[in-house]
Amino acid sequence: MWTKITTSKWFYRLISLAFALLLFTYVNFNSLSFLNNSDNQYRQSVSATRKETIKVPLRLDADTDKYYITGYPEKVSVDLEGPSSLVTTTVNTQNFEVIASLRHLGLGKHTVTLKATGLNKELTYAISPKTITVDIQNRKTQKFPIQVTYNKNAIAEGYVTEQPKPSQDTVQVTGATDEIRKIARVVANVPLSRNTKATANQEVLLQALDSNGNIVNAVLDPQTIHVTLGIRLPSKTVPLSFTTEKGKDNLDYTVSSSVKTVKITATSDVLNKIKSLTVPVDVSNIATAGSFDQQISIPLKDNDLDAADPSSVKITVKASNTSSGASDSESAASAQRRSAVSSSSSSTSSSKSSSDSSSSSSND
């Protein structure tokens, strides 16, 4: 009987159905447990409280076109507390404001309590600082010329500076009327390192100063400008002359050029010593009389110069026989002539003496 049951198709069908029901029950039980856990975690996260501190900009509720207000911080701290999800959302979006209401106040100093708007009612908050002291004054805007300054002692010895070139000549300054009245000048101070030799190109911060050199509380537009301060070696123009060297004893040399002056660049102490510039010309390669063109460079190192303009010049060297050499030739020719005349006189005298002797012998 049992054997028939166990070998029956219906027996295996019932067993399969039982396993299927057990498997379905197990899977659904785990799913329900997971959903219950997730729901519990969500409820816990929603119901849990959280504290967070963030910094937010402070907004002034005032007529800032008419009044100039000082004494307030740009940002304030806000301590938030409430449901974790709301705190997280508020911190991420910062979709609320902290306001200082000043519209009902007149000129002068006032203490104002700060308030937050736009926060969810389920959140509590505390602002730090709770109150601020502001000074409300009539607003004034005025243009001022810009003065470029720099430390002259930072310039390398012997160098000179050119006229500073700012990107603009004036600046617009806005502030309380009393503060604007204090401004004596607006400066752009160019910072220089020690022993500066090169031109400075820098973005420079502008400062409004009173007569004592103290910074005045005002807003400058723009706050910075670009300044070019030329720093270079000085230069001057001097007469140019030439002298020859290594020439032949039997030749006279003269040097000429269409360039009569040269612009030389050097430190101030070197320039002060130079009144004119003489350039030596090597004529050792000229052995005969004639006219010769050359291109020669202005000697920089020998004269402690940094540069010369022009750096080289074209010259013409004329060589001619010396006057002493011509006199020697004439003297030699004269000596030869005197020698020839002397020889002729001696011959004539000898012939006459022989004739006289012959005549005497005949008479005897």
Protein backbone atom coordinates (compact mmCIF):
# COMPACT_ATOMS: atom_id res chain seq x y z
CA MET A 1 0.00 0.00 0.00
CA TRP A 2 2.75 2.49 0.99
CA THR A 3 4.75 1.46 -1.99
CA LYS A 4 1.83 2.24 -4.27
CA ILE A 5 1.40 5.66 -2.68
CA THR A 6 5.07 6.61 -2.94
CA THR A 7 5.26 5.52 -6.53
CA SER A 8 2.09 7.36 -7.49
CA LYS A 9 2.29 10.55 -9.63
CA TRP A 10 -0.01 12.33 -7.22
CA PHE A 11 2.39 11.71 -4.38
CA TYR A 12 5.19 13.58 -6.19
CA ARG A 13 2.79 16.33 -7.15
CA LEU A 14 1.79 16.85 -3.52
CA ILE A 15 5.45 16.89 -2.40
CA SER A 16 6.32 19.48 -5.07
CA LEU A 17 3.38 21.65 -4.04
CA ALA A 18 4.46 21.48 -0.40
CA PHE A 19 8.03 22.57 -1.28
CA ALA A 20 6.68 25.39 -3.45
CA LEU A 21 4.52 26.65 -0.59
CA LEU A 22 7.47 26.54 1.81
CA LEU A 23 9.71 28.42 -0.65
CA PHE A 24 7.06 31.08 -1.31
CA THR A 25 6.51 31.57 2.43
CA TYR A 26 10.28 31.94 3.04
CA VAL A 27 10.84 34.51 0.27
CA ASN A 28 7.86 36.63 1.22
CA PHE A 29 8.81 36.53 4.87
CA ASN A 30 12.30 37.95 4.06
CA SER A 31 10.81 40.62 1.79
CA LEU A 32 8.35 41.69 4.45
CA SER A 33 11.15 41.81 7.02
CA PHE A 34 13.29 44.00 4.66
CA LEU A 35 10.39 46.37 4.01
CA ASN A 36 9.62 46.61 7.68
CA ASN A 37 13.27 47.38 8.47
CA SER A 38 13.44 50.01 5.70
CA ASP A 39 10.26 51.61 6.91
CA ASN A 40 11.57 51.67 10.47
CA GLN A 41 14.86 53.25 9.35
CA TYR A 42 12.98 55.87 7.34
CA ARG A 43 10.74 56.68 10.30
CA GLN A 44 13.79 56.92 12.54
CA SER A 45 15.60 59.20 10.09
CA VAL A 46 12.56 61.46 9.78
CA SER A 47 11.94 61.60 13.49
CA ALA A 48 15.67 62.01 14.48
CA THR A 49 16.89 65.53 15.27
CA ARG A 50 20.11 67.11 13.99
CA LYS A 51 22.15 70.21 14.80
CA GLU A 52 24.20 72.10 12.22
CA THR A 53 25.97 75.50 12.10
CA ILE A 54 26.40 77.35 8.81
CA LYS A 55 27.52 80.82 7.71
CA VAL A 56 25.18 82.89 5.54
CA PRO A 57 25.39 86.41 4.05
CA LEU A 58 23.78 89.24 6.01
CA ARG A 59 21.29 91.32 4.01
CA LEU A 60 20.66 94.94 4.90
CA ASP A 61 17.08 96.11 4.48
CA ALA A 62 17.91 99.77 3.81
CA ASP A 63 18.07 102.46 1.13
CA THR A 64 21.71 101.90 0.21
CA ASP A 65 21.49 104.32 -2.73
CA LYS A 66 20.90 107.18 -0.29
CA TYR A 67 22.77 106.01 2.81
CA TYR A 68 26.25 104.60 3.40
CA ILE A 69 26.20 102.01 6.17
CA THR A 70 29.22 100.67 8.08
CA GLY A 71 29.82 98.41 11.07
CA TYR A 72 28.07 95.24 9.93
CA PRO A 73 29.63 91.82 9.16
CA GLU A 74 29.33 90.37 5.67
CA LYS A 75 28.32 86.94 7.05
CA VAL A 76 26.79 85.63 10.29
CA SER A 77 26.59 82.15 11.86
CA VAL A 78 23.26 80.33 12.16
CA ASP A 79 22.76 77.29 14.45
CA LEU A 80 19.99 75.05 13.03
CA GLU A 81 18.17 72.27 14.91
CA GLY A 82 15.28 70.05 13.90
CA PRO A 83 14.39 66.93 11.95
CA SER A 84 17.48 65.54 10.30
CA SER A 85 16.05 65.61 6.78
CA LEU A 86 14.94 69.23 7.09
CA VAL A 87 18.29 70.36 8.50
CA THR A 88 20.12 68.57 5.70
CA THR A 89 17.93 70.15 3.04
CA THR A 90 18.28 73.62 4.57
CA VAL A 91 22.06 73.34 4.83
CA ASN A 92 22.35 72.22 1.21
CA THR A 93 19.99 74.78 -0.31
CA GLN A 94 20.40 77.71 2.13
CA ASN A 95 17.01 78.92 0.95
CA PHE A 96 16.58 81.44 3.76
CA GLU A 97 17.95 84.90 4.68
CA VAL A 98 19.26 86.72 7.73
CA ILE A 99 18.13 90.35 7.63
CA ALA A 100 19.03 93.56 9.45
CA SER A 101 16.01 95.88 9.15
CA LEU A 102 17.24 99.50 8.98
CA ARG A 103 14.55 101.35 7.00
CA HIS A 104 12.92 102.84 10.08
CA LEU A 105 16.23 104.22 11.40
CA GLY A 106 17.76 107.67 10.90
CA LEU A 107 21.36 108.89 10.64
CA GLY A 108 23.85 107.85 13.30
CA LYS A 109 24.75 104.67 15.18
CA HIS A 110 22.12 102.05 15.96
CA THR A 111 21.99 98.57 17.54
CA VAL A 112 19.86 96.19 15.49
CA THR A 113 18.58 92.66 16.22
CA LEU A 114 19.03 90.20 13.36
CA LYS A 115 16.20 87.97 12.17
CA ALA A 116 15.95 84.95 9.84
CA THR A 117 13.20 84.56 7.23
CA GLY A 118 12.30 81.60 5.02
CA LEU A 119 13.08 78.82 7.53
CA ASN A 120 10.74 75.85 8.00
CA LYS A 121 8.61 76.19 11.16
CA GLU A 122 9.81 72.81 12.40
CA LEU A 123 13.36 74.19 12.65
CA THR A 124 14.72 76.24 15.51
CA TYR A 125 17.65 78.62 15.00
CA ALA A 126 20.06 80.93 16.79
CA ILE A 127 21.98 83.73 15.02
CA SER A 128 25.47 84.75 16.09
CA PRO A 129 25.86 87.62 16.66
CA LYS A 130 22.29 88.29 17.72
CA THR A 131 22.69 92.05 17.34
CA ILE A 132 24.96 94.38 15.38
CA THR A 133 25.85 98.08 15.69
CA VAL A 134 25.68 100.02 12.43
CA ASP A 135 26.53 103.60 11.52
CA ILE A 136 24.17 105.18 8.97
CA GLN A 137 25.47 108.22 7.07
CA ASN A 138 24.56 110.10 3.92
CA ARG A 139 26.16 108.49 0.89
CA LYS A 140 28.59 110.38 -1.37
CA THR A 141 30.52 109.43 -4.49
CA GLN A 142 33.47 111.44 -5.80
CA LYS A 143 36.28 111.02 -8.34
CA PHE A 144 39.92 111.37 -7.27
CA PRO A 145 43.16 111.45 -9.28
CA ILE A 146 45.48 108.49 -8.78
CA GLN A 147 49.03 109.09 -7.55
CA VAL A 148 51.58 106.35 -8.30
CA THR A 149 54.21 105.96 -5.56
CA TYR A 150 57.22 103.65 -5.09
CA ASN A 151 60.29 103.30 -2.91
CA LYS A 152 63.10 105.16 -4.71
CA ASN A 153 65.70 103.50 -2.49
CA ALA A 154 64.77 100.14 -4.03
CA ILE A 155 66.06 101.24 -7.47
CA ALA A 156 69.54 99.90 -8.32
CA GLU A 157 72.35 102.46 -8.10
CA GLY A 158 72.98 104.27 -11.37
CA TYR A 159 69.52 103.42 -12.80
CA VAL A 160 66.73 105.91 -13.48
CA THR A 161 62.93 105.62 -13.59
CA GLU A 162 60.53 106.83 -16.25
CA GLN A 163 57.17 108.48 -15.68
CA PRO A 164 54.81 105.81 -14.23
CA LYS A 165 51.99 104.76 -16.55
CA PRO A 166 48.75 103.73 -14.74
CA SER A 167 45.95 102.00 -16.66
CA GLN A 168 43.67 104.88 -15.66
CA ASP A 169 44.18 108.31 -14.11
CA THR A 170 41.14 108.60 -11.81
CA VAL A 171 39.12 106.40 -9.46
CA GLN A 172 35.54 106.64 -8.15
CA VAL A 173 35.31 106.59 -4.35
CA THR A 174 32.06 106.00 -2.44
CA GLY A 175 31.52 106.38 1.30
CA ALA A 176 29.98 108.37 4.09
CA THR A 177 30.08 112.12 3.44
CA ASP A 178 32.31 112.72 6.48
CA GLU A 179 34.74 110.01 5.32
CA ILE A 180 34.96 111.34 1.77
CA ARG A 181 35.88 114.77 3.18
CA LYS A 182 38.88 113.20 4.92
CA ILE A 183 40.46 111.89 1.70
CA ALA A 184 43.65 113.79 0.82
CA ARG A 185 44.82 111.52 -1.98
CA VAL A 186 44.35 108.09 -3.59
CA VAL A 187 47.62 106.23 -4.12
CA ALA A 188 48.79 103.17 -6.05
CA ASN A 189 51.99 102.09 -4.30
CA VAL A 190 54.14 99.87 -6.55
CA PRO A 191 56.00 97.27 -4.44
CA LEU A 192 59.64 96.84 -5.52
CA SER A 193 62.28 94.41 -4.38
CA ARG A 194 65.71 95.63 -3.38
CA ASN A 195 68.16 96.63 -6.15
CA THR A 196 65.50 96.59 -8.90
CA LYS A 197 66.88 97.00 -12.43
CA ALA A 198 63.98 95.89 -14.64
CA THR A 199 60.73 97.61 -15.60
CA ALA A 200 57.84 96.80 -13.21
CA ASN A 201 54.44 95.72 -14.63
CA GLN A 202 52.05 95.03 -11.76
CA GLU A 203 48.45 95.03 -10.57
CA VAL A 204 48.46 97.52 -7.70
CA LEU A 205 45.91 97.97 -4.90
CA LEU A 206 44.45 101.48 -4.57
CA GLN A 207 44.20 103.16 -1.16
CA ALA A 208 42.37 106.31 -0.09
CA LEU A 209 44.47 108.16 2.51
CA ASP A 210 43.88 111.14 4.76
CA SER A 211 46.40 113.93 5.35
CA ASN A 212 48.21 111.80 7.96
CA GLY A 213 48.55 108.81 5.67
CA ASN A 214 45.82 106.78 7.37
CA ILE A 215 43.45 104.64 5.28
CA VAL A 216 39.96 106.12 4.92
CA ASN A 217 36.95 103.81 5.19
CA ALA A 218 35.51 103.99 1.66
CA VAL A 219 34.82 101.81 -1.36
CA LEU A 220 37.03 102.35 -4.44
CA ASP A 221 35.95 101.43 -7.96
CA PRO A 222 38.09 99.86 -9.30
CA GLN A 223 40.01 98.51 -6.31
CA THR A 224 43.15 97.76 -8.36
CA ILE A 225 44.83 99.17 -11.48
CA HIS A 226 47.74 98.10 -13.69
CA VAL A 227 50.89 100.22 -13.42
CA THR A 228 53.98 100.20 -15.65
CA LEU A 229 57.07 101.73 -14.04
CA GLY A 230 59.98 101.99 -16.47
CA ILE A 231 63.38 101.33 -14.86
CA ARG A 232 66.48 101.59 -17.04
CA LEU A 233 70.05 102.80 -17.37
CA PRO A 234 70.39 106.48 -18.36
CA SER A 235 71.83 107.53 -21.73
CA LYS A 236 73.24 110.63 -23.45
CA THR A 237 74.63 111.70 -26.83
CA VAL A 238 78.36 112.60 -27.09
CA PRO A 239 80.71 113.63 -29.96
CA LEU A 240 82.45 110.76 -31.76
CA SER A 241 86.10 110.87 -32.88
CA PHE A 242 88.73 108.36 -34.06
CA THR A 243 92.42 107.66 -33.55
CA THR A 244 94.70 105.24 -35.43
CA GLU A 245 97.04 102.65 -33.99
CA LYS A 246 99.63 100.12 -35.31
CA GLY A 247 100.29 102.19 -38.46
CA LYS A 248 103.40 102.18 -40.74
CA ASP A 249 106.12 104.79 -40.11
CA ASN A 250 106.20 105.89 -43.73
CA LEU A 251 102.45 106.58 -43.93
CA ASP A 252 100.18 109.30 -42.56
CA TYR A 253 96.56 108.27 -41.70
CA THR A 254 93.36 110.27 -41.48
CA VAL A 255 89.94 108.83 -40.47
CA SER A 256 86.57 110.29 -41.44
CA SER A 257 82.93 109.21 -40.98
CA SER A 258 79.49 110.60 -41.70
CA VAL A 259 78.52 109.70 -38.09
CA LYS A 260 79.52 112.56 -35.80
CA THR A 261 77.77 111.62 -32.53
CA VAL A 262 76.77 108.44 -30.68
CA LYS A 263 74.13 107.77 -27.99
CA ILE A 264 75.72 105.81 -25.13
CA THR A 265 73.96 103.98 -22.26
CA ALA A 266 75.59 103.31 -18.87
CA THR A 267 75.20 103.93 -15.16
CA SER A 268 74.99 107.55 -14.07
CA ASP A 269 78.50 107.67 -12.61
CA VAL A 270 80.01 106.39 -15.89
CA LEU A 271 78.04 108.82 -18.05
CA ASN A 272 79.08 111.77 -15.89
CA LYS A 273 82.75 111.06 -16.68
CA ILE A 274 82.35 110.77 -20.46
CA LYS A 275 82.30 114.06 -22.42
CA SER A 276 83.22 112.55 -25.81
CA LEU A 277 84.00 109.11 -27.18
CA THR A 278 87.22 108.31 -29.07
CA VAL A 279 87.32 105.02 -30.97
CA PRO A 280 90.73 103.46 -31.85
CA VAL A 281 91.15 102.20 -35.44
CA ASP A 282 93.64 99.41 -36.21
CA VAL A 283 95.45 100.28 -39.50
CA SER A 284 98.12 97.58 -39.34
CA ASN A 285 96.71 95.99 -42.52
CA ILE A 286 97.15 99.20 -44.56
CA ALA A 287 100.68 99.18 -46.01
CA THR A 288 100.31 101.48 -49.03
CA ALA A 289 98.90 104.90 -49.68
CA GLY A 290 95.23 105.02 -50.64
CA SER A 291 91.64 105.27 -49.35
CA PHE A 292 90.06 102.33 -47.47
CA ASP A 293 86.52 101.81 -46.07
CA GLN A 294 85.89 99.88 -42.85
CA GLN A 295 83.00 99.02 -40.50
CA ILE A 296 84.04 99.27 -36.86
CA SER A 297 82.14 98.55 -33.62
CA ILE A 298 81.82 101.00 -30.74
CA PRO A 299 83.90 99.51 -27.88
CA LEU A 300 81.50 98.97 -24.96
CA LYS A 301 83.50 97.04 -22.41
CA ASP A 302 86.56 99.30 -22.64
CA ASN A 303 84.39 102.30 -21.78
CA ASP A 304 82.11 100.56 -19.21
CA LEU A 305 79.12 101.07 -21.50
CA ASP A 306 75.97 98.99 -21.56
CA ALA A 307 74.92 99.96 -25.10
CA ALA A 308 75.62 102.39 -27.95
CA ASP A 309 73.42 103.66 -30.75
CA PRO A 310 74.61 103.13 -33.43
CA SER A 311 76.57 100.09 -32.26
CA SER A 312 78.91 100.29 -35.28
CA VAL A 313 79.86 102.95 -37.86
CA LYS A 314 81.33 103.07 -41.35
CA ILE A 315 84.66 104.94 -41.61
CA THR A 316 87.10 105.87 -44.41
CA VAL A 317 90.85 105.65 -43.73
CA LYS A 318 93.14 107.67 -46.04
CA ALA A 319 96.85 106.74 -46.06
CA SER A 320 99.53 108.94 -47.65
CA ASN A 321 103.33 108.97 -47.75
CA THR A 322 104.90 110.90 -44.89
CA SER A 323 106.58 114.32 -45.62
CA SER A 324 109.90 113.14 -44.06
CA GLY A 325 110.06 110.23 -46.50
CA ALA A 326 109.82 112.65 -49.47
CA SER A 327 112.62 114.88 -48.07
CA ASP A 328 114.95 111.91 -47.72
CA SER A 329 114.44 111.02 -51.39
CA GLU A 330 115.15 114.57 -52.51
CA SER A 331 118.36 114.65 -50.41
CA ALA A 332 119.58 111.43 -51.96
CA ALA A 333 119.01 112.74 -55.49
CA SER A 334 120.86 115.98 -54.67
CA ALA A 335 123.81 114.04 -53.31
CA GLN A 336 124.01 112.00 -56.49
CA ARG A 337 124.00 115.20 -58.57
CA ARG A 338 126.76 116.74 -56.45
CA SER A 339 128.84 113.58 -56.78
CA ALA A 340 128.51 113.61 -60.58
CA VAL A 341 129.59 117.27 -60.79
CA SER A 342 132.60 116.63 -58.55
CA SER A 343 133.72 113.69 -60.70
CA SER A 344 133.52 115.78 -63.89
CA SER A 345 135.64 118.61 -62.42
CA SER A 346 138.34 116.19 -61.33
CA SER A 347 138.62 114.69 -64.83
CA THR A 348 139.00 118.11 -66.48
CA SER A 349 141.76 119.16 -64.09
CA SER A 350 143.75 115.99 -64.74
CA SER A 351 143.62 116.47 -68.53
CA LYS A 352 144.85 120.04 -68.28
CA SER A 353 147.79 119.05 -66.10
CA SER A 354 148.92 116.40 -68.62
CA SER A 355 148.87 118.93 -71.48
CA ASP A 356 151.00 121.41 -69.58
CA SER A 357 153.60 118.77 -68.82
CA SER A 358 153.92 117.76 -72.47
CA SER A 359 154.43 121.33 -73.56
CA SER A 360 157.22 121.87 -71.07
CA SER A 361 159.12 118.86 -72.28
CA SER A 362 159.01 120.09 -75.85
CA ASN A 363 160.46 123.46 -74.96
CA ASP A 364 163.32 121.90 -73.19
